[in-house]
Amino acid sequence: MQKIRAAVIGVGYLGRFHAQKYAQAQRCELIAVADSRAEACEPLAAELKTRATTDYRSLLGKVDAVSVA
C-alpha cells in the first residue's frame, strides 16, 4: 500500500503535535514542515528527520495531505 505524503504548515503547539503524529503513522510519510519562521521549523524537521521550509508553496503538488495549524 502506498503511503500518504503529508506536510504540516505552521509549527506552533498543534502543528508540532500533528507533525509528530504524521511521522509516527505507519501509513504516512511526513514530507515537510513549513513555517514563516525558519527558527521554528528547522529544529522540528531535524527531530523528525524531514524537510523544513519557509515557503509552503514549494510543497504544493508534492503532498497528498496538508495540515494547517
N, C-alpha and C. Protein backbone atom coordinates (compact mmCIF):
# COMPACT_ATOMS: atom_id res chain seq x y z
N MET A 1 0.83 -1.18 0.00
CA MET A 1 0.00 0.00 0.00
C MET A 1 0.88 1.25 0.00
N GLN A 2 0.52 2.21 -0.82
CA GLN A 2 1.29 3.44 -0.92
C GLN A 2 1.02 4.34 0.28
N LYS A 3 2.07 4.95 0.80
CA LYS A 3 1.93 5.84 1.95
C LYS A 3 1.35 7.18 1.52
N ILE A 4 0.61 7.79 2.43
CA ILE A 4 0.08 9.14 2.22
C ILE A 4 1.20 10.12 2.52
N ARG A 5 1.50 10.99 1.56
CA ARG A 5 2.54 12.00 1.74
C ARG A 5 1.90 13.23 2.38
N ALA A 6 2.37 13.58 3.58
CA ALA A 6 1.75 14.65 4.35
C ALA A 6 2.75 15.76 4.66
N ALA A 7 2.21 16.96 4.85
CA ALA A 7 3.01 18.11 5.27
C ALA A 7 2.22 18.88 6.31
N VAL A 8 2.93 19.62 7.15
CA VAL A 8 2.30 20.45 8.17
C VAL A 8 2.75 21.88 7.95
N ILE A 9 1.78 22.78 7.88
CA ILE A 9 2.06 24.21 7.74
C ILE A 9 1.72 24.88 9.06
N GLY A 10 2.72 25.47 9.68
CA GLY A 10 2.57 26.08 10.99
C GLY A 10 3.02 25.11 12.06
N VAL A 11 4.07 25.46 12.78
CA VAL A 11 4.63 24.51 13.75
C VAL A 11 4.55 25.02 15.19
N GLY A 12 3.43 25.67 15.50
CA GLY A 12 3.16 26.01 16.89
C GLY A 12 2.78 24.75 17.64
N TYR A 13 2.04 24.90 18.73
CA TYR A 13 1.68 23.75 19.57
C TYR A 13 0.96 22.66 18.77
N LEU A 14 -0.11 23.02 18.08
CA LEU A 14 -0.87 22.00 17.34
C LEU A 14 -0.11 21.49 16.13
N GLY A 15 0.60 22.36 15.45
CA GLY A 15 1.38 21.93 14.29
C GLY A 15 2.45 20.92 14.66
N ARG A 16 3.11 21.16 15.77
CA ARG A 16 4.12 20.21 16.27
C ARG A 16 3.47 18.86 16.56
N PHE A 17 2.32 18.89 17.21
CA PHE A 17 1.59 17.66 17.53
C PHE A 17 1.21 16.91 16.25
N HIS A 18 0.66 17.63 15.27
CA HIS A 18 0.27 17.00 14.01
C HIS A 18 1.48 16.38 13.31
N ALA A 19 2.58 17.12 13.26
CA ALA A 19 3.79 16.62 12.60
C ALA A 19 4.30 15.34 13.27
N GLN A 20 4.30 15.33 14.59
CA GLN A 20 4.76 14.14 15.31
C GLN A 20 3.87 12.94 15.01
N LYS A 21 2.58 13.15 14.95
CA LYS A 21 1.65 12.05 14.67
C LYS A 21 1.79 11.55 13.23
N TYR A 22 1.94 12.46 12.27
CA TYR A 22 2.18 12.03 10.89
C TYR A 22 3.47 11.22 10.80
N ALA A 23 4.51 11.67 11.49
CA ALA A 23 5.80 10.98 11.44
C ALA A 23 5.71 9.58 12.05
N GLN A 24 4.84 9.40 13.03
CA GLN A 24 4.69 8.11 13.70
C GLN A 24 3.75 7.16 12.96
N ALA A 25 2.87 7.70 12.15
CA ALA A 25 1.86 6.88 11.48
C ALA A 25 2.50 6.00 10.41
N GLN A 26 2.20 4.72 10.45
CA GLN A 26 2.80 3.79 9.50
C GLN A 26 2.33 4.00 8.08
N ARG A 27 1.13 4.54 7.90
CA ARG A 27 0.60 4.74 6.55
C ARG A 27 0.89 6.12 6.00
N CYS A 28 1.69 6.92 6.72
CA CYS A 28 2.03 8.27 6.27
C CYS A 28 3.54 8.45 6.15
N GLU A 29 3.90 9.36 5.30
CA GLU A 29 5.29 9.83 5.20
C GLU A 29 5.24 11.34 5.36
N LEU A 30 5.89 11.85 6.40
CA LEU A 30 5.93 13.29 6.62
C LEU A 30 6.96 13.87 5.66
N ILE A 31 6.48 14.59 4.65
CA ILE A 31 7.34 15.15 3.61
C ILE A 31 8.08 16.39 4.11
N ALA A 32 7.36 17.26 4.86
CA ALA A 32 7.99 18.52 5.30
C ALA A 32 7.14 19.19 6.35
N VAL A 33 7.79 20.10 7.08
CA VAL A 33 7.09 21.04 7.95
C VAL A 33 7.42 22.43 7.45
N ALA A 34 6.44 23.31 7.49
CA ALA A 34 6.63 24.66 6.98
C ALA A 34 6.17 25.68 8.01
N ASP A 35 6.90 26.77 8.08
CA ASP A 35 6.53 27.88 8.95
C ASP A 35 7.20 29.12 8.39
N SER A 36 6.63 30.28 8.62
CA SER A 36 7.24 31.52 8.13
C SER A 36 8.54 31.83 8.86
N ARG A 37 8.75 31.17 9.99
CA ARG A 37 9.97 31.37 10.78
C ARG A 37 10.86 30.13 10.69
N ALA A 38 11.99 30.27 10.04
CA ALA A 38 12.92 29.13 9.89
C ALA A 38 13.36 28.60 11.25
N GLU A 39 13.54 29.49 12.22
CA GLU A 39 14.00 29.06 13.54
C GLU A 39 12.95 28.21 14.26
N ALA A 40 11.72 28.24 13.79
CA ALA A 40 10.68 27.40 14.37
C ALA A 40 10.60 26.03 13.70
N CYS A 41 10.72 26.00 12.38
CA CYS A 41 10.51 24.72 11.68
C CYS A 41 11.78 23.88 11.53
N GLU A 42 12.94 24.49 11.51
CA GLU A 42 14.17 23.71 11.30
C GLU A 42 14.46 22.72 12.43
N PRO A 43 14.34 23.11 13.70
CA PRO A 43 14.59 22.11 14.76
C PRO A 43 13.60 20.95 14.74
N LEU A 44 12.33 21.25 14.46
CA LEU A 44 11.33 20.18 14.40
C LEU A 44 11.61 19.25 13.23
N ALA A 45 11.97 19.81 12.09
CA ALA A 45 12.29 18.99 10.92
C ALA A 45 13.48 18.08 11.22
N ALA A 46 14.49 18.61 11.89
CA ALA A 46 15.65 17.79 12.25
C ALA A 46 15.25 16.67 13.20
N GLU A 47 14.41 16.99 14.17
CA GLU A 47 13.95 15.99 15.15
C GLU A 47 13.18 14.87 14.46
N LEU A 48 12.37 15.22 13.47
CA LEU A 48 11.51 14.24 12.80
C LEU A 48 12.11 13.70 11.50
N LYS A 49 13.33 14.13 11.21
CA LYS A 49 14.06 13.66 10.02
C LYS A 49 13.26 13.92 8.74
N THR A 50 12.88 15.17 8.57
CA THR A 50 12.15 15.59 7.38
C THR A 50 12.66 16.94 6.93
N ARG A 51 12.04 17.49 5.93
CA ARG A 51 12.45 18.77 5.33
C ARG A 51 11.77 19.94 6.04
N ALA A 52 12.48 21.05 6.15
CA ALA A 52 11.92 22.29 6.68
C ALA A 52 11.88 23.31 5.54
N THR A 53 10.83 24.12 5.53
CA THR A 53 10.74 25.17 4.52
C THR A 53 9.99 26.36 5.09
N THR A 54 10.32 27.54 4.60
CA THR A 54 9.57 28.74 4.96
C THR A 54 8.61 29.13 3.85
N ASP A 55 8.60 28.36 2.78
CA ASP A 55 7.71 28.63 1.64
C ASP A 55 6.78 27.45 1.42
N TYR A 56 5.60 27.52 2.00
CA TYR A 56 4.65 26.40 1.89
C TYR A 56 4.28 26.11 0.44
N ARG A 57 4.39 27.10 -0.43
CA ARG A 57 4.02 26.90 -1.83
C ARG A 57 4.92 25.88 -2.51
N SER A 58 6.13 25.71 -2.00
CA SER A 58 7.05 24.73 -2.59
C SER A 58 6.55 23.30 -2.36
N LEU A 59 5.59 23.11 -1.47
CA LEU A 59 5.06 21.78 -1.17
C LEU A 59 3.87 21.41 -2.05
N LEU A 60 3.24 22.40 -2.64
CA LEU A 60 2.03 22.15 -3.41
C LEU A 60 2.33 21.23 -4.58
N GLY A 61 1.48 20.24 -4.75
CA GLY A 61 1.66 19.25 -5.79
C GLY A 61 2.59 18.11 -5.42
N LYS A 62 3.22 18.19 -4.24
CA LYS A 62 4.15 17.15 -3.80
C LYS A 62 3.60 16.32 -2.65
N VAL A 63 2.44 16.71 -2.15
CA VAL A 63 1.86 16.02 -0.99
C VAL A 63 0.42 15.61 -1.28
N ASP A 64 -0.05 14.63 -0.52
CA ASP A 64 -1.43 14.17 -0.63
C ASP A 64 -2.32 14.82 0.43
N ALA A 65 -1.72 15.23 1.54
CA ALA A 65 -2.49 15.82 2.64
C ALA A 65 -1.69 16.93 3.29
N VAL A 66 -2.40 17.97 3.72
CA VAL A 66 -1.77 19.10 4.40
C VAL A 66 -2.55 19.40 5.67
N SER A 67 -1.83 19.61 6.74
CA SER A 67 -2.43 20.06 7.99
C SER A 67 -2.00 21.51 8.18
N VAL A 68 -2.97 22.41 8.26
CA VAL A 68 -2.67 23.82 8.51
C VAL A 68 -3.01 24.09 9.97
N ALA A 69 -1.97 24.40 10.73
CA ALA A 69 -2.18 24.58 12.17
C ALA A 69 -1.75 25.97 12.61
